[in-house]
């Protein structure tokens, strides 16, 4: 696959919760990313989860889903012997879009709740370290 043609189909907040916290103490972050596909519609889903904690107490949780529509010309080039293979570098790129959207979502929602967002800034996430393997899935297109 030489060119990856796609468009952002949907950015959706699956879940969000936030509560007041001690702004003078450190906050830690747990991040997860997972992928799914809908081969019949040429869709790739990237789901990113962010959990901010303070002293093992959850203070903010966000689950954000990015749905990407792959062009009909590009999608077949990712299929080999009934297996869809999405290279890690493409996954990293799609996850970058979701992380950027999550950064804005966290800031906007915390601001609406009147929380001081300086301690809730989503830090840089090294997606090349988080996503090292290609996504592989057996498919049968109907």
Protein backbone atom coordinates (compact mmCIF):
# COMPACT_ATOMS: atom_id res chain seq x y z
CA UNK A 1 0.00 0.00 0.00
CA UNK A 2 1.62 3.24 -1.10
CA UNK A 3 -1.04 5.87 -0.32
CA UNK A 4 -3.55 5.65 2.52
CA UNK A 5 -6.66 7.55 1.42
CA UNK A 6 -9.26 8.07 4.13
CA UNK A 7 -11.52 10.63 5.75
CA UNK A 8 -12.60 11.20 9.32
CA UNK A 9 -16.08 9.71 9.41
CA UNK A 10 -16.92 10.37 13.08
CA UNK A 11 -15.34 11.51 16.34
CA UNK A 12 -17.49 10.42 19.25
CA UNK A 13 -17.20 10.69 23.03
CA UNK A 14 -18.26 7.27 24.31
CA UNK A 15 -17.93 8.13 28.00
CA UNK A 16 -16.81 11.05 30.13
CA UNK A 17 -16.71 11.58 33.87
CA UNK A 18 -14.82 14.11 35.95
CA UNK A 19 -14.81 15.27 39.54
CA UNK A 20 -13.02 17.86 41.62
CA UNK A 21 -9.48 17.06 42.74
CA UNK A 22 -6.61 18.59 44.72
CA UNK A 23 -4.85 20.84 42.22
CA UNK A 24 -1.72 21.02 44.40
CA UNK A 25 -0.99 17.28 44.12
CA UNK A 26 0.28 15.19 41.22
CA UNK A 27 -2.07 13.53 38.78
CA UNK A 28 -1.20 10.36 36.84
CA UNK A 29 -2.57 9.09 33.53
CA UNK A 30 -3.36 5.62 32.19
CA UNK A 31 -3.84 5.43 28.41
CA UNK A 32 -5.18 2.59 26.26
CA UNK A 33 -5.78 2.30 22.54
CA UNK A 34 -7.59 -0.38 20.58
CA UNK A 35 -8.75 -0.85 17.01
CA UNK A 36 -11.65 -2.51 15.28
CA UNK A 37 -12.91 -2.74 11.71
CA UNK A 38 -16.08 -2.94 9.68
CA UNK A 39 -14.76 -4.44 6.46
CA UNK A 40 -18.12 -4.26 4.69
CA UNK A 41 -18.14 -0.47 4.98
CA UNK A 42 -14.35 0.14 4.81
CA UNK A 43 -14.30 1.54 8.35
CA UNK A 44 -11.52 1.52 10.92
CA UNK A 45 -12.37 2.40 14.53
CA UNK A 46 -9.75 3.71 16.94
CA UNK A 47 -10.91 3.77 20.56
CA UNK A 48 -8.75 5.64 23.05
CA UNK A 49 -9.28 5.60 26.81
CA UNK A 50 -7.78 8.09 29.25
CA UNK A 51 -7.94 7.74 33.02
CA UNK A 52 -6.51 10.45 35.25
CA UNK A 53 -6.00 9.40 38.87
CA UNK A 54 -4.79 11.02 42.05
CA UNK A 55 -3.76 8.74 44.92
CA UNK A 56 -5.56 5.80 43.22
CA UNK A 57 -8.76 7.83 43.03
CA UNK A 58 -10.25 8.26 39.53
CA UNK A 59 -10.73 11.95 38.82
CA UNK A 60 -11.29 11.99 35.07
CA UNK A 61 -12.21 9.33 32.54
CA UNK A 62 -12.65 9.79 28.79
CA UNK A 63 -13.32 7.17 26.15
CA UNK A 64 -13.19 8.59 22.63
CA UNK A 65 -13.86 6.81 19.35
CA UNK A 66 -12.56 7.88 15.97
CA UNK A 67 -14.15 6.23 12.94
CA UNK A 68 -12.19 6.50 9.70
CA UNK A 69 -13.63 5.70 6.28
CA UNK A 70 -10.98 4.22 4.00
CA UNK A 71 -11.37 4.88 0.28
CA UNK A 72 -12.67 2.01 -1.88
CA UNK A 73 -9.37 2.14 -3.81
CA UNK A 74 -7.20 1.84 -0.68
CA UNK A 75 -9.10 -0.73 1.38
CA UNK A 76 -8.56 -3.74 -0.95
CA UNK A 77 -4.79 -3.07 -0.95
CA UNK A 78 -4.77 -3.89 2.80
CA UNK A 79 -6.26 -7.37 2.24
CA UNK A 80 -4.03 -10.38 1.64
CA UNK A 81 -5.46 -13.93 1.62
CA UNK A 82 -8.65 -12.95 3.47
CA UNK A 83 -6.65 -11.14 6.15
CA UNK A 84 -6.89 -7.40 6.61
CA UNK A 85 -3.52 -5.93 7.58
CA UNK A 86 -3.30 -2.33 8.75
CA UNK A 87 0.35 -1.31 9.18
CA UNK A 88 1.42 0.00 12.59
CA UNK A 89 2.42 3.38 11.14
CA UNK A 90 -1.15 3.90 9.84
CA UNK A 91 -2.57 2.92 13.24
CA UNK A 92 -0.21 5.38 14.92
CA UNK A 93 -1.37 8.14 12.58
CA UNK A 94 -5.08 7.45 13.22
CA UNK A 95 -4.47 7.30 16.98
CA UNK A 96 -2.71 10.68 16.78
CA UNK A 97 -5.93 12.21 15.46
CA UNK A 98 -7.89 10.70 18.35
CA UNK A 99 -5.38 11.89 20.95
CA UNK A 100 -5.60 15.43 19.59
CA UNK A 101 -9.40 15.30 19.69
CA UNK A 102 -9.27 13.96 23.26
CA UNK A 103 -6.95 16.77 24.33
CA UNK A 104 -9.52 19.34 23.19
CA UNK A 105 -12.43 17.35 24.64
CA UNK A 106 -10.81 17.13 28.08
CA UNK A 107 -10.01 20.84 28.13
CA UNK A 108 -13.47 21.92 26.96
CA UNK A 109 -15.41 19.67 29.32
CA UNK A 110 -13.25 20.43 32.36
CA UNK A 111 -13.60 24.14 31.59
CA UNK A 112 -17.41 23.83 31.42
CA UNK A 113 -17.32 22.11 34.83
CA UNK A 114 -15.26 25.02 36.21
CA UNK A 115 -12.19 22.91 36.96
CA UNK A 116 -8.70 24.34 36.73
CA UNK A 117 -7.43 22.56 33.63
CA UNK A 118 -3.71 23.27 34.09
CA UNK A 119 -3.30 19.90 35.86
CA UNK A 120 -5.56 18.08 33.41
CA UNK A 121 -3.64 18.77 30.24
CA UNK A 122 -3.22 15.57 28.29
CA UNK A 123 0.56 15.13 27.98
CA UNK A 124 2.31 14.02 24.81
CA UNK A 125 1.79 10.29 24.21
CA UNK A 126 4.44 8.39 22.28
CA UNK A 127 2.22 6.34 20.01
CA UNK A 128 5.18 4.65 18.32
CA UNK A 129 5.87 3.00 21.69
CA UNK A 130 2.19 2.16 22.33
CA UNK A 131 1.46 0.76 18.86
CA UNK A 132 4.22 -1.47 17.55
CA UNK A 133 2.33 -4.20 15.70
CA UNK A 134 0.18 -4.24 12.61
CA UNK A 135 -3.55 -4.83 13.11
CA UNK A 136 -4.54 -8.18 11.58
CA UNK A 137 -8.01 -9.58 11.22
CA UNK A 138 -9.48 -12.43 9.23
CA UNK A 139 -12.29 -11.03 7.11
CA UNK A 140 -14.98 -12.22 4.80
CA UNK A 141 -16.67 -9.43 2.91
CA UNK A 142 -20.31 -10.02 2.06
